[in-house]
Protein backbone atom coordinates (compact mmCIF):
# COMPACT_ATOMS: atom_id res chain seq x y z
CA MET A 1 11.22 -21.91 -8.76
CA ILE A 2 7.01 -22.24 -8.34
CA ARG A 3 4.59 -19.38 -5.91
CA GLU A 4 1.42 -19.93 -5.24
CA LEU A 5 -1.37 -16.54 -4.71
CA THR A 6 -4.19 -15.81 -3.52
CA CYS A 7 -5.51 -12.77 -5.72
CA VAL A 8 -7.06 -10.06 -3.56
CA GLU A 9 -8.84 -8.07 -6.45
CA CYS A 10 -11.85 -9.53 -6.23
CA PRO A 11 -14.18 -11.33 -4.42
CA MET A 12 -13.09 -14.47 -5.83
CA GLY A 13 -9.74 -15.25 -4.72
CA CYS A 14 -8.04 -16.84 -7.15
CA LYS A 15 -5.42 -19.52 -6.83
CA ILE A 16 -2.69 -17.93 -8.93
CA THR A 17 0.25 -20.42 -9.38
CA VAL A 18 3.08 -18.21 -10.60
CA LYS A 19 6.23 -20.38 -12.34
CA THR A 20 9.77 -19.08 -12.54
CA VAL A 21 11.86 -20.26 -15.43
CA ASP A 22 15.59 -18.49 -16.17
CA GLY A 23 13.72 -15.33 -15.14
CA VAL A 24 10.98 -16.13 -17.51
CA ASN A 25 7.80 -15.84 -15.27
CA GLU A 26 4.84 -18.75 -16.29
CA PHE A 27 1.52 -17.50 -14.85
CA SER A 28 -1.88 -19.58 -14.27
CA GLY A 29 -5.37 -19.75 -12.40
CA TYR A 30 -6.50 -16.37 -13.46
CA SER A 31 -9.47 -15.58 -14.50
CA CYS A 32 -8.96 -12.30 -15.45
CA PRO A 33 -6.49 -9.94 -16.55
CA ARG A 34 -6.10 -8.14 -13.11
CA GLY A 35 -5.56 -11.18 -12.01
CA LYS A 36 -3.12 -11.66 -13.90
CA MET A 37 -1.56 -8.15 -12.90
CA TYR A 38 -1.85 -8.53 -9.62
CA ALA A 39 0.34 -11.83 -10.23
CA GLU A 40 2.65 -9.43 -11.95
CA ASN A 41 2.79 -6.72 -9.69
CA GLU A 42 3.73 -8.86 -6.80
CA ILE A 43 7.16 -10.55 -7.97
CA VAL A 44 8.20 -7.43 -9.68
CA ASP A 45 7.30 -5.65 -7.12
CA PRO A 46 4.95 -5.70 -4.20
CA LYS A 47 3.00 -2.71 -2.91
CA ARG A 48 1.37 -1.57 0.03
CA VAL A 49 -1.35 1.58 1.43
CA VAL A 50 1.15 2.76 4.37
CA THR A 51 -1.38 2.55 7.40
CA SER A 52 -0.54 4.77 11.03
CA THR A 53 -0.65 7.50 12.72
CA VAL A 54 0.63 10.82 13.56
CA LYS A 55 0.85 13.26 16.37
CA LEU A 56 -0.99 16.12 16.22
CA SER A 57 0.30 19.30 18.13
CA ASP A 58 -2.57 19.49 20.90
CA GLY A 59 -1.51 15.49 22.16
CA ARG A 60 -4.06 12.89 21.12
CA VAL A 61 -3.18 11.18 17.65
CA LEU A 62 -3.98 11.03 14.26
CA PRO A 63 -4.85 7.57 12.08
CA VAL A 64 -3.16 8.25 8.09
CA LYS A 65 -2.93 6.50 5.62
CA THR A 66 -0.95 6.31 2.07
CA ASP A 67 -3.14 7.53 -0.75
CA ARG A 68 -2.11 4.48 -2.71
CA PRO A 69 0.06 1.58 -2.77
CA VAL A 70 4.00 2.11 -2.76
CA SER A 71 6.42 -0.76 -2.78
CA LYS A 72 7.24 -2.55 -0.11
CA LYS A 73 11.12 -1.80 -0.25
CA ASP A 74 10.16 1.31 1.05
CA MET A 75 7.69 1.51 4.06
CA PHE A 76 10.94 1.39 6.56
CA SER A 77 10.93 4.59 4.71
CA VAL A 78 7.22 5.95 4.23
CA MET A 79 7.60 4.85 7.82
CA GLU A 80 10.47 7.06 9.01
CA GLU A 81 8.46 10.41 7.44
CA ILE A 82 5.27 9.22 8.81
CA ASN A 83 7.48 9.99 12.50
CA SER A 84 8.38 12.84 11.54
CA ILE A 85 4.94 14.17 10.95
CA THR A 86 3.34 16.93 13.64
CA ALA A 87 -0.07 17.90 12.12
CA THR A 88 -2.73 20.29 13.27
CA ALA A 89 -6.10 20.27 13.78
CA PRO A 90 -8.60 20.70 12.88
CA VAL A 91 -8.18 18.24 9.70
CA LYS A 92 -10.66 16.07 7.47
CA THR A 93 -11.08 12.44 6.58
CA GLY A 94 -8.87 12.80 3.12
CA ASP A 95 -6.72 15.49 4.07
CA VAL A 96 -3.81 15.51 2.67
CA ILE A 97 -0.71 15.28 5.76
CA LYS A 98 2.23 15.54 3.33
CA GLU A 99 2.17 15.18 -0.43
CA ASN A 100 4.90 12.63 -1.91
CA VAL A 101 6.31 10.89 0.19
CA PHE A 102 7.19 7.94 -2.88
CA GLY A 103 5.00 9.08 -4.62
CA ALA A 104 2.52 8.13 -2.51
CA ASN A 105 0.79 11.13 -0.35
CA ILE A 106 0.14 10.76 3.65
CA ILE A 107 -3.74 11.61 3.98
CA SER A 108 -6.21 11.84 6.90
CA ALA A 109 -8.19 8.30 7.81
CA ARG A 110 -10.33 9.94 10.42
CA THR A 111 -12.53 13.56 10.83
CA VAL A 112 -10.11 15.11 14.13
CA LYS A 113 -12.44 18.76 15.22
């Protein structure tokens, strides 16, 4: 199997080719170690930062995100956790809204008074 990836680790956007033969991955096209690591992670366990909103107790909404990428396989479970949260203002950007949700903290993406 051959997969083509575009690295997003830096502005160079290297076109990385991953060739898998008998469970062994061969990487080409990357120009730095970060590119190879990115490709390895995309093949083995792709991760993404999750962004969403939570309810505030006064009816407004608060934009939130995970403070680190989470496995794509866990994203729906992370969203279930986020949807169950009700926060209370005031909240500052970066405040932890909920700790340890599949290895990441849910943090505020905006200050709300």
